[in-house]
Amino acid sequence: MSRPQPLVILPTLWFWSQIRRTEPRLHVFTTFLWSLLFVPLSLIAFTFVQPLWVQAIAVSATAFLSAGIVEKALRTLILRRRRALARGDDTEH
């Protein structure tokens, strides 16, 4: 959490490797959450974009940005949890 997320929404490799190493169950959950975002967005890209090379770029960008969206949500939850623990409020989960 010491490094900011670049351009607010781009994913960072160190964040994902840290989660994979420290919280394997959370990594499985975030992979599932990422796939829930990625599959519909890639289907939209395949439906509305015609040339194959543009589809490949659109799906790659979708995968990259959906991982960034999940990372942003996780960062928000982690920071909220840390603030609650710092205040001594253990009721927030």
PDB file of N, CA and C in Angstrom:
ATOM      1  N   MET A   1       0.816  -1.194   0.000  1.00  0.00           N
ATOM      2  CA  MET A   1       0.000   0.000   0.000  1.00  0.00           C
ATOM      3  C   MET A   1       0.857   1.254   0.000  1.00  0.00           C
ATOM      4  N   SER A   2       2.163   1.092   0.084  1.00  0.00           N
ATOM      5  CA  SER A   2       3.029   2.266   0.095  1.00  0.00           C
ATOM      6  C   SER A   2       3.167   2.871  -1.295  1.00  0.00           C
ATOM      7  N   ARG A   3       2.954   2.085  -2.323  1.00  0.00           N
ATOM      8  CA  ARG A   3       3.043   2.599  -3.690  1.00  0.00           C
ATOM      9  C   ARG A   3       1.646   2.912  -4.211  1.00  0.00           C
ATOM     10  N   PRO A   4       1.478   4.092  -4.802  1.00  0.00           N
ATOM     11  CA  PRO A   4       0.149   4.427  -5.325  1.00  0.00           C
ATOM     12  C   PRO A   4      -0.145   3.661  -6.613  1.00  0.00           C
ATOM     13  N   GLN A   5      -1.410   3.555  -6.907  1.00  0.00           N
ATOM     14  CA  GLN A   5      -1.830   2.902  -8.144  1.00  0.00           C
ATOM     15  C   GLN A   5      -1.671   3.906  -9.287  1.00  0.00           C
ATOM     16  N   PRO A   6      -0.917   3.554 -10.346  1.00  0.00           N
ATOM     17  CA  PRO A   6      -0.662   4.526 -11.408  1.00  0.00           C
ATOM     18  C   PRO A   6      -1.928   4.893 -12.184  1.00  0.00           C
ATOM     19  N   LEU A   7      -2.073   6.161 -12.447  1.00  0.00           N
ATOM     20  CA  LEU A   7      -3.213   6.710 -13.188  1.00  0.00           C
ATOM     21  C   LEU A   7      -4.561   6.243 -12.635  1.00  0.00           C
ATOM     22  N   VAL A   8      -4.641   6.073 -11.349  1.00  0.00           N
ATOM     23  CA  VAL A   8      -5.831   5.760 -10.559  1.00  0.00           C
ATOM     24  C   VAL A   8      -6.418   4.383 -10.846  1.00  0.00           C
ATOM     25  N   ILE A   9      -6.315   3.866 -12.066  1.00  0.00           N
ATOM     26  CA  ILE A   9      -7.019   2.632 -12.396  1.00  0.00           C
ATOM     27  C   ILE A   9      -6.118   1.533 -12.960  1.00  0.00           C
ATOM     28  N   LEU A  10      -4.875   1.806 -13.238  1.00  0.00           N
ATOM     29  CA  LEU A  10      -3.995   0.786 -13.811  1.00  0.00           C
ATOM     30  C   LEU A  10      -3.506  -0.172 -12.728  1.00  0.00           C
ATOM     31  N   PRO A  11      -3.489  -1.473 -13.020  1.00  0.00           N
ATOM     32  CA  PRO A  11      -3.039  -2.437 -12.017  1.00  0.00           C
ATOM     33  C   PRO A  11      -1.522  -2.414 -11.847  1.00  0.00           C
ATOM     34  N   THR A  12      -1.083  -2.832 -10.674  1.00  0.00           N
ATOM     35  CA  THR A  12       0.354  -2.909 -10.403  1.00  0.00           C
ATOM     36  C   THR A  12       0.731  -4.353 -10.108  1.00  0.00           C
ATOM     37  N   LEU A  13       1.839  -4.789 -10.672  1.00  0.00           N
ATOM     38  CA  LEU A  13       2.284  -6.167 -10.519  1.00  0.00           C
ATOM     39  C   LEU A  13       2.646  -6.473  -9.071  1.00  0.00           C
ATOM     40  N   TRP A  14       3.298  -5.552  -8.362  1.00  0.00           N
ATOM     41  CA  TRP A  14       3.729  -5.822  -6.991  1.00  0.00           C
ATOM     42  C   TRP A  14       2.535  -6.034  -6.067  1.00  0.00           C
ATOM     43  N   PHE A  15       1.424  -5.345  -6.307  1.00  0.00           N
ATOM     44  CA  PHE A  15       0.233  -5.499  -5.476  1.00  0.00           C
ATOM     45  C   PHE A  15      -0.303  -6.921  -5.583  1.00  0.00           C
ATOM     46  N   TRP A  16      -0.421  -7.424  -6.803  1.00  0.00           N
ATOM     47  CA  TRP A  16      -0.957  -8.764  -7.022  1.00  0.00           C
ATOM     48  C   TRP A  16      -0.006  -9.837  -6.514  1.00  0.00           C
ATOM     49  N   SER A  17       1.291  -9.645  -6.667  1.00  0.00           N
ATOM     50  CA  SER A  17       2.230 -10.643  -6.153  1.00  0.00           C
ATOM     51  C   SER A  17       2.236 -10.641  -4.626  1.00  0.00           C
ATOM     52  N   GLN A  18       2.042  -9.481  -4.016  1.00  0.00           N
ATOM     53  CA  GLN A  18       1.968  -9.391  -2.549  1.00  0.00           C
ATOM     54  C   GLN A  18       0.731 -10.117  -2.026  1.00  0.00           C
ATOM     55  N   ILE A  19      -0.391  -9.935  -2.682  1.00  0.00           N
ATOM     56  CA  ILE A  19      -1.617 -10.623  -2.260  1.00  0.00           C
ATOM     57  C   ILE A  19      -1.465 -12.126  -2.433  1.00  0.00           C
ATOM     58  N   ARG A  20      -0.881 -12.544  -3.538  1.00  0.00           N
ATOM     59  CA  ARG A  20      -0.709 -13.970  -3.805  1.00  0.00           C
ATOM     60  C   ARG A  20       0.176 -14.614  -2.743  1.00  0.00           C
ATOM     61  N   ARG A  21       1.189 -13.891  -2.307  1.00  0.00           N
ATOM     62  CA  ARG A  21       2.137 -14.421  -1.335  1.00  0.00           C
ATOM     63  C   ARG A  21       1.590 -14.398   0.088  1.00  0.00           C
ATOM     64  N   THR A  22       0.896 -13.334   0.460  1.00  0.00           N
ATOM     65  CA  THR A  22       0.474 -13.179   1.848  1.00  0.00           C
ATOM     66  C   THR A  22      -0.917 -13.733   2.130  1.00  0.00           C
ATOM     67  N   GLU A  23      -1.818 -13.624   1.188  1.00  0.00           N
ATOM     68  CA  GLU A  23      -3.203 -14.068   1.391  1.00  0.00           C
ATOM     69  C   GLU A  23      -3.671 -14.933   0.224  1.00  0.00           C
ATOM     70  N   PRO A  24      -3.350 -16.216   0.218  1.00  0.00           N
ATOM     71  CA  PRO A  24      -3.726 -17.057  -0.917  1.00  0.00           C
ATOM     72  C   PRO A  24      -5.237 -17.169  -1.115  1.00  0.00           C
ATOM     73  N   ARG A  25      -6.011 -17.173  -0.022  1.00  0.00           N
ATOM     74  CA  ARG A  25      -7.468 -17.252  -0.171  1.00  0.00           C
ATOM     75  C   ARG A  25      -8.022 -15.982  -0.802  1.00  0.00           C
ATOM     76  N   LEU A  26      -7.477 -14.846  -0.417  1.00  0.00           N
ATOM     77  CA  LEU A  26      -7.899 -13.583  -1.014  1.00  0.00           C
ATOM     78  C   LEU A  26      -7.535 -13.544  -2.488  1.00  0.00           C
ATOM     79  N   HIS A  27      -6.407 -14.132  -2.839  1.00  0.00           N
ATOM     80  CA  HIS A  27      -6.008 -14.179  -4.247  1.00  0.00           C
ATOM     81  C   HIS A  27      -7.016 -14.982  -5.068  1.00  0.00           C
ATOM     82  N   VAL A  28      -7.498 -16.092  -4.533  1.00  0.00           N
ATOM     83  CA  VAL A  28      -8.503 -16.893  -5.240  1.00  0.00           C
ATOM     84  C   VAL A  28      -9.786 -16.088  -5.406  1.00  0.00           C
ATOM     85  N   PHE A  29     -10.201 -15.393  -4.354  1.00  0.00           N
ATOM     86  CA  PHE A  29     -11.407 -14.567  -4.418  1.00  0.00           C
ATOM     87  C   PHE A  29     -11.259 -13.445  -5.439  1.00  0.00           C
ATOM     88  N   THR A  30     -10.116 -12.768  -5.437  1.00  0.00           N
ATOM     89  CA  THR A  30      -9.936 -11.663  -6.383  1.00  0.00           C
ATOM     90  C   THR A  30      -9.838 -12.163  -7.816  1.00  0.00           C
ATOM     91  N   THR A  31      -9.287 -13.346  -8.021  1.00  0.00           N
ATOM     92  CA  THR A  31      -9.266 -13.916  -9.363  1.00  0.00           C
ATOM     93  C   THR A  31     -10.690 -14.185  -9.846  1.00  0.00           C
ATOM     94  N   PHE A  32     -11.527 -14.691  -8.967  1.00  0.00           N
ATOM     95  CA  PHE A  32     -12.931 -14.917  -9.307  1.00  0.00           C
ATOM     96  C   PHE A  32     -13.633 -13.595  -9.586  1.00  0.00           C
ATOM     97  N   LEU A  33     -13.408 -12.594  -8.750  1.00  0.00           N
ATOM     98  CA  LEU A  33     -14.012 -11.281  -8.941  1.00  0.00           C
ATOM     99  C   LEU A  33     -13.547 -10.653 -10.243  1.00  0.00           C
ATOM    100  N   TRP A  34     -12.261 -10.796 -10.547  1.00  0.00           N
ATOM    101  CA  TRP A  34     -11.717 -10.262 -11.793  1.00  0.00           C
ATOM    102  C   TRP A  34     -12.377 -10.933 -12.989  1.00  0.00           C
ATOM    103  N   SER A  35     -12.593 -12.229 -12.923  1.00  0.00           N
ATOM    104  CA  SER A  35     -13.218 -12.925 -14.047  1.00  0.00           C
ATOM    105  C   SER A  35     -14.668 -12.486 -14.224  1.00  0.00           C
ATOM    106  N   LEU A  36     -15.350 -12.165 -13.124  1.00  0.00           N
ATOM    107  CA  LEU A  36     -16.716 -11.659 -13.243  1.00  0.00           C
ATOM    108  C   LEU A  36     -16.765 -10.325 -13.978  1.00  0.00           C
ATOM    109  N   LEU A  37     -15.740  -9.511 -13.836  1.00  0.00           N
ATOM    110  CA  LEU A  37     -15.674  -8.266 -14.590  1.00  0.00           C
ATOM    111  C   LEU A  37     -15.187  -8.482 -16.018  1.00  0.00           C
ATOM    112  N   PHE A  38     -14.199  -9.349 -16.172  1.00  0.00           N
ATOM    113  CA  PHE A  38     -13.545  -9.516 -17.459  1.00  0.00           C
ATOM    114  C   PHE A  38     -14.436 -10.186 -18.504  1.00  0.00           C
ATOM    115  N   VAL A  39     -15.156 -11.209 -18.138  1.00  0.00           N
ATOM    116  CA  VAL A  39     -15.948 -11.970 -19.113  1.00  0.00           C
ATOM    117  C   VAL A  39     -17.021 -11.097 -19.774  1.00  0.00           C
ATOM    118  N   PRO A  40     -17.861 -10.380 -19.031  1.00  0.00           N
ATOM    119  CA  PRO A  40     -18.854  -9.545 -19.722  1.00  0.00           C
ATOM    120  C   PRO A  40     -18.228  -8.437 -20.569  1.00  0.00           C
ATOM    121  N   LEU A  41     -17.175  -7.820 -20.053  1.00  0.00           N
ATOM    122  CA  LEU A  41     -16.546  -6.754 -20.829  1.00  0.00           C
ATOM    123  C   LEU A  41     -15.904  -7.289 -22.107  1.00  0.00           C
ATOM    124  N   SER A  42     -15.322  -8.471 -22.057  1.00  0.00           N
ATOM    125  CA  SER A  42     -14.728  -9.036 -23.273  1.00  0.00           C
ATOM    126  C   SER A  42     -15.795  -9.477 -24.262  1.00  0.00           C
ATOM    127  N   LEU A  43     -16.939  -9.964 -23.766  1.00  0.00           N
ATOM    128  CA  LEU A  43     -18.032 -10.308 -24.678  1.00  0.00           C
ATOM    129  C   LEU A  43     -18.561  -9.078 -25.394  1.00  0.00           C
ATOM    130  N   ILE A  44     -18.628  -7.968 -24.694  1.00  0.00           N
ATOM    131  CA  ILE A  44     -19.038  -6.711 -25.327  1.00  0.00           C
ATOM    132  C   ILE A  44     -18.024  -6.313 -26.389  1.00  0.00           C
ATOM    133  N   ALA A  45     -16.748  -6.462 -26.076  1.00  0.00           N
ATOM    134  CA  ALA A  45     -15.709  -6.123 -27.054  1.00  0.00           C
ATOM    135  C   ALA A  45     -15.810  -7.015 -28.288  1.00  0.00           C
ATOM    136  N   PHE A  46     -16.060  -8.303 -28.100  1.00  0.00           N
ATOM    137  CA  PHE A  46     -16.197  -9.213 -29.240  1.00  0.00           C
ATOM    138  C   PHE A  46     -17.450  -8.912 -30.068  1.00  0.00           C
ATOM    139  N   THR A  47     -18.500  -8.420 -29.424  1.00  0.00           N
ATOM    140  CA  THR A  47     -19.750  -8.168 -30.125  1.00  0.00           C
ATOM    141  C   THR A  47     -19.697  -6.894 -30.966  1.00  0.00           C
ATOM    142  N   PHE A  48     -19.153  -5.835 -30.410  1.00  0.00           N
ATOM    143  CA  PHE A  48     -19.246  -4.543 -31.070  1.00  0.00           C
ATOM    144  C   PHE A  48     -18.027  -4.145 -31.877  1.00  0.00           C
ATOM    145  N   VAL A  49     -16.945  -4.847 -31.765  1.00  0.00           N
ATOM    146  CA  VAL A  49     -15.719  -4.492 -32.482  1.00  0.00           C
ATOM    147  C   VAL A  49     -15.504  -5.519 -33.589  1.00  0.00           C
ATOM    148  N   GLN A  50     -15.332  -5.055 -34.822  1.00  0.00           N
ATOM    149  CA  GLN A  50     -15.294  -5.974 -35.947  1.00  0.00           C
ATOM    150  C   GLN A  50     -13.917  -6.510 -36.339  1.00  0.00           C
ATOM    151  N   PRO A  51     -12.924  -5.708 -36.667  1.00  0.00           N
ATOM    152  CA  PRO A  51     -11.658  -6.326 -37.109  1.00  0.00           C
ATOM    153  C   PRO A  51     -11.034  -7.142 -35.976  1.00  0.00           C
ATOM    154  N   LEU A  52     -10.467  -8.271 -36.348  1.00  0.00           N
ATOM    155  CA  LEU A  52      -9.918  -9.183 -35.353  1.00  0.00           C
ATOM    156  C   LEU A  52      -8.789  -8.550 -34.545  1.00  0.00           C
ATOM    157  N   TRP A  53      -7.928  -7.773 -35.174  1.00  0.00           N
ATOM    158  CA  TRP A  53      -6.810  -7.169 -34.454  1.00  0.00           C
ATOM    159  C   TRP A  53      -7.303  -6.123 -33.458  1.00  0.00           C
ATOM    160  N   VAL A  54      -8.398  -5.439 -33.782  1.00  0.00           N
ATOM    161  CA  VAL A  54      -8.969  -4.468 -32.843  1.00  0.00           C
ATOM    162  C   VAL A  54      -9.638  -5.206 -31.681  1.00  0.00           C
ATOM    163  N   GLN A  55     -10.245  -6.369 -31.973  1.00  0.00           N
ATOM    164  CA  GLN A  55     -10.821  -7.183 -30.908  1.00  0.00           C
ATOM    165  C   GLN A  55      -9.742  -7.629 -29.927  1.00  0.00           C
ATOM    166  N   ALA A  56      -8.604  -8.037 -30.444  1.00  0.00           N
ATOM    167  CA  ALA A  56      -7.510  -8.480 -29.582  1.00  0.00           C
ATOM    168  C   ALA A  56      -7.033  -7.346 -28.681  1.00  0.00           C
ATOM    169  N   ILE A  57      -6.907  -6.161 -29.249  1.00  0.00           N
ATOM    170  CA  ILE A  57      -6.495  -4.999 -28.447  1.00  0.00           C
ATOM    171  C   ILE A  57      -7.566  -4.658 -27.410  1.00  0.00           C
ATOM    172  N   ALA A  58      -8.836  -4.711 -27.816  1.00  0.00           N
ATOM    173  CA  ALA A  58      -9.930  -4.371 -26.895  1.00  0.00           C
ATOM    174  C   ALA A  58     -10.018  -5.370 -25.743  1.00  0.00           C
ATOM    175  N   VAL A  59      -9.864  -6.658 -26.035  1.00  0.00           N
ATOM    176  CA  VAL A  59      -9.934  -7.665 -24.981  1.00  0.00           C
ATOM    177  C   VAL A  59      -8.726  -7.558 -24.053  1.00  0.00           C
ATOM    178  N   SER A  60      -7.554  -7.287 -24.612  1.00  0.00           N
ATOM    179  CA  SER A  60      -6.362  -7.111 -23.770  1.00  0.00           C
ATOM    180  C   SER A  60      -6.516  -5.904 -22.854  1.00  0.00           C
ATOM    181  N   ALA A  61      -7.014  -4.812 -23.405  1.00  0.00           N
ATOM    182  CA  ALA A  61      -7.236  -3.612 -22.592  1.00  0.00           C
ATOM    183  C   ALA A  61      -8.301  -3.871 -21.531  1.00  0.00           C
ATOM    184  N   THR A  62      -9.320  -4.645 -21.897  1.00  0.00           N
ATOM    185  CA  THR A  62     -10.372  -4.984 -20.940  1.00  0.00           C
ATOM    186  C   THR A  62      -9.811  -5.799 -19.786  1.00  0.00           C
ATOM    187  N   ALA A  63      -8.965  -6.765 -20.099  1.00  0.00           N
ATOM    188  CA  ALA A  63      -8.354  -7.581 -19.040  1.00  0.00           C
ATOM    189  C   ALA A  63      -7.500  -6.714 -18.125  1.00  0.00           C
ATOM    190  N   PHE A  64      -6.717  -5.842 -18.706  1.00  0.00           N
ATOM    191  CA  PHE A  64      -5.832  -4.977 -17.941  1.00  0.00           C
ATOM    192  C   PHE A  64      -6.621  -4.017 -17.053  1.00  0.00           C
ATOM    193  N   LEU A  65      -7.639  -3.366 -17.621  1.00  0.00           N
ATOM    194  CA  LEU A  65      -8.406  -2.385 -16.861  1.00  0.00           C
ATOM    195  C   LEU A  65      -9.314  -3.036 -15.821  1.00  0.00           C
ATOM    196  N   SER A  66      -9.844  -4.227 -16.112  1.00  0.00           N
ATOM    197  CA  SER A  66     -10.682  -4.879 -15.101  1.00  0.00           C
ATOM    198  C   SER A  66      -9.845  -5.307 -13.898  1.00  0.00           C
ATOM    199  N   ALA A  67      -8.598  -5.715 -14.123  1.00  0.00           N
ATOM    200  CA  ALA A  67      -7.707  -6.013 -12.997  1.00  0.00           C
ATOM    201  C   ALA A  67      -7.432  -4.740 -12.199  1.00  0.00           C
ATOM    202  N   GLY A  68      -7.319  -3.607 -12.875  1.00  0.00           N
ATOM    203  CA  GLY A  68      -7.122  -2.336 -12.186  1.00  0.00           C
ATOM    204  C   GLY A  68      -8.325  -1.925 -11.362  1.00  0.00           C
ATOM    205  N   ILE A  69      -9.519  -2.205 -11.871  1.00  0.00           N
ATOM    206  CA  ILE A  69     -10.742  -1.877 -11.136  1.00  0.00           C
ATOM    207  C   ILE A  69     -10.840  -2.717  -9.863  1.00  0.00           C
ATOM    208  N   VAL A  70     -10.538  -4.004  -9.985  1.00  0.00           N
ATOM    209  CA  VAL A  70     -10.566  -4.874  -8.805  1.00  0.00           C
ATOM    210  C   VAL A  70      -9.502  -4.432  -7.799  1.00  0.00           C
ATOM    211  N   GLU A  71      -8.317  -4.060  -8.300  1.00  0.00           N
ATOM    212  CA  GLU A  71      -7.265  -3.591  -7.393  1.00  0.00           C
ATOM    213  C   GLU A  71      -7.687  -2.321  -6.672  1.00  0.00           C
ATOM    214  N   LYS A  72      -8.329  -1.403  -7.368  1.00  0.00           N
ATOM    215  CA  LYS A  72      -8.783  -0.165  -6.736  1.00  0.00           C
ATOM    216  C   LYS A  72      -9.794  -0.457  -5.629  1.00  0.00           C
ATOM    217  N   ALA A  73     -10.710  -1.386  -5.890  1.00  0.00           N
ATOM    218  CA  ALA A  73     -11.697  -1.750  -4.871  1.00  0.00           C
ATOM    219  C   ALA A  73     -11.023  -2.403  -3.670  1.00  0.00           C
ATOM    220  N   LEU A  74     -10.063  -3.275  -3.909  1.00  0.00           N
ATOM    221  CA  LEU A  74      -9.344  -3.920  -2.808  1.00  0.00           C
ATOM    222  C   LEU A  74      -8.546  -2.912  -1.994  1.00  0.00           C
ATOM    223  N   ARG A  75      -7.889  -1.989  -2.672  1.00  0.00           N
ATOM    224  CA  ARG A  75      -7.126  -0.963  -1.949  1.00  0.00           C
ATOM    225  C   ARG A  75      -8.044  -0.152  -1.040  1.00  0.00           C
ATOM    226  N   THR A  76      -9.226   0.189  -1.541  1.00  0.00           N
ATOM    227  CA  THR A  76     -10.180   0.950  -0.738  1.00  0.00           C
ATOM    228  C   THR A  76     -10.603   0.159   0.493  1.00  0.00           C
ATOM    229  N   LEU A  77     -10.910  -1.118   0.304  1.00  0.00           N
ATOM    230  CA  LEU A  77     -11.306  -1.957   1.440  1.00  0.00           C
ATOM    231  C   LEU A  77     -10.174  -2.132   2.442  1.00  0.00           C
ATOM    232  N   ILE A  78      -8.959  -2.330   1.956  1.00  0.00           N
ATOM    233  CA  ILE A  78      -7.809  -2.510   2.842  1.00  0.00           C
ATOM    234  C   ILE A  78      -7.548  -1.246   3.660  1.00  0.00           C
ATOM    235  N   LEU A  79      -7.593  -0.093   2.992  1.00  0.00           N
ATOM    236  CA  LEU A  79      -7.371   1.170   3.714  1.00  0.00           C
ATOM    237  C   LEU A  79      -8.470   1.433   4.732  1.00  0.00           C
ATOM    238  N   ARG A  80      -9.708   1.117   4.385  1.00  0.00           N
ATOM    239  CA  ARG A  80     -10.816   1.301   5.322  1.00  0.00           C
ATOM    240  C   ARG A  80     -10.633   0.400   6.549  1.00  0.00           C
ATOM    241  N   ARG A  81     -10.212  -0.822   6.303  1.00  0.00           N
ATOM    242  CA  ARG A  81      -9.983  -1.773   7.408  1.00  0.00           C
ATOM    243  C   ARG A  81      -8.836  -1.313   8.308  1.00  0.00           C
ATOM    244  N   ARG A  82      -7.750  -0.828   7.689  1.00  0.00           N
ATOM    245  CA  ARG A  82      -6.611  -0.352   8.483  1.00  0.00           C
ATOM    246  C   ARG A  82      -6.976   0.858   9.331  1.00  0.00           C
ATOM    247  N   ARG A  83      -7.780   1.768   8.773  1.00  0.00           N
ATOM    248  CA  ARG A  83      -8.206   2.938   9.542  1.00  0.00           C
ATOM    249  C   ARG A  83      -9.086   2.523  10.720  1.00  0.00           C
ATOM    250  N   ALA A  84      -9.959   1.559  10.495  1.00  0.00           N
ATOM    251  CA  ALA A  84     -10.830   1.082  11.577  1.00  0.00           C
ATOM    252  C   ALA A  84     -10.009   0.418  12.675  1.00  0.00           C
ATOM    253  N   LEU A  85      -9.018  -0.351  12.301  1.00  0.00           N
ATOM    254  CA  LEU A  85      -8.162  -0.992  13.300  1.00  0.00           C
ATOM    255  C   LEU A  85      -7.312   0.030  14.049  1.00  0.00           C
ATOM    256  N   ALA A  86      -6.879   1.088  13.353  1.00  0.00           N
ATOM    257  CA  ALA A  86      -6.084   2.128  14.008  1.00  0.00           C
ATOM    258  C   ALA A  86      -6.920   2.896  15.032  1.00  0.00           C
ATOM    259  N   ARG A  87      -8.213   3.055  14.736  1.00  0.00           N
ATOM    260  CA  ARG A  87      -9.091   3.737  15.688  1.00  0.00           C
ATOM    261  C   ARG A  87      -9.493   2.826  16.840  1.00  0.00           C
ATOM    262  N   GLY A  88      -9.230   1.539  16.696  1.00  0.00           N
ATOM    263  CA  GLY A  88      -9.616   0.593  17.735  1.00  0.00           C
ATOM    264  C   GLY A  88     -10.998   0.028  17.510  1.00  0.00           C
ATOM    265  N   ASP A  89     -11.583   0.341  16.387  1.00  0.00           N
ATOM    266  CA  ASP A  89     -12.914  -0.152  16.042  1.00  0.00           C
ATOM    267  C   ASP A  89     -12.767  -1.477  15.323  1.00  0.00           C
ATOM    268  N   ASP A  90     -13.080  -2.562  16.013  1.00  0.00           N
ATOM    269  CA  ASP A  90     -12.900  -3.898  15.434  1.00  0.00           C
ATOM    270  C   ASP A  90     -14.203  -4.445  14.868  1.00  0.00           C
ATOM    271  N   THR A  91     -15.269  -3.628  14.803  1.00  0.00           N
ATOM    272  CA  THR A  91     -16.561  -4.122  14.345  1.00  0.00           C
ATOM    273  C   THR A  91     -16.651  -4.176  12.825  1.00  0.00           C
ATOM    274  N   GLU A  92     -15.871  -3.394  12.103  1.00  0.00           N
ATOM    275  CA  GLU A  92     -15.935  -3.393  10.641  1.00  0.00           C
ATOM    276  C   GLU A  92     -15.174  -4.576  10.085  1.00  0.00           C
ATOM    277  N   HIS A  93     -15.816  -5.352   9.212  1.00  0.00           N
ATOM    278  CA  HIS A  93     -15.185  -6.538   8.628  1.00  0.00           C
ATOM    279  C   HIS A  93     -15.111  -6.394   7.151  1.00  0.00           C
TER     280      HIS A  93
END
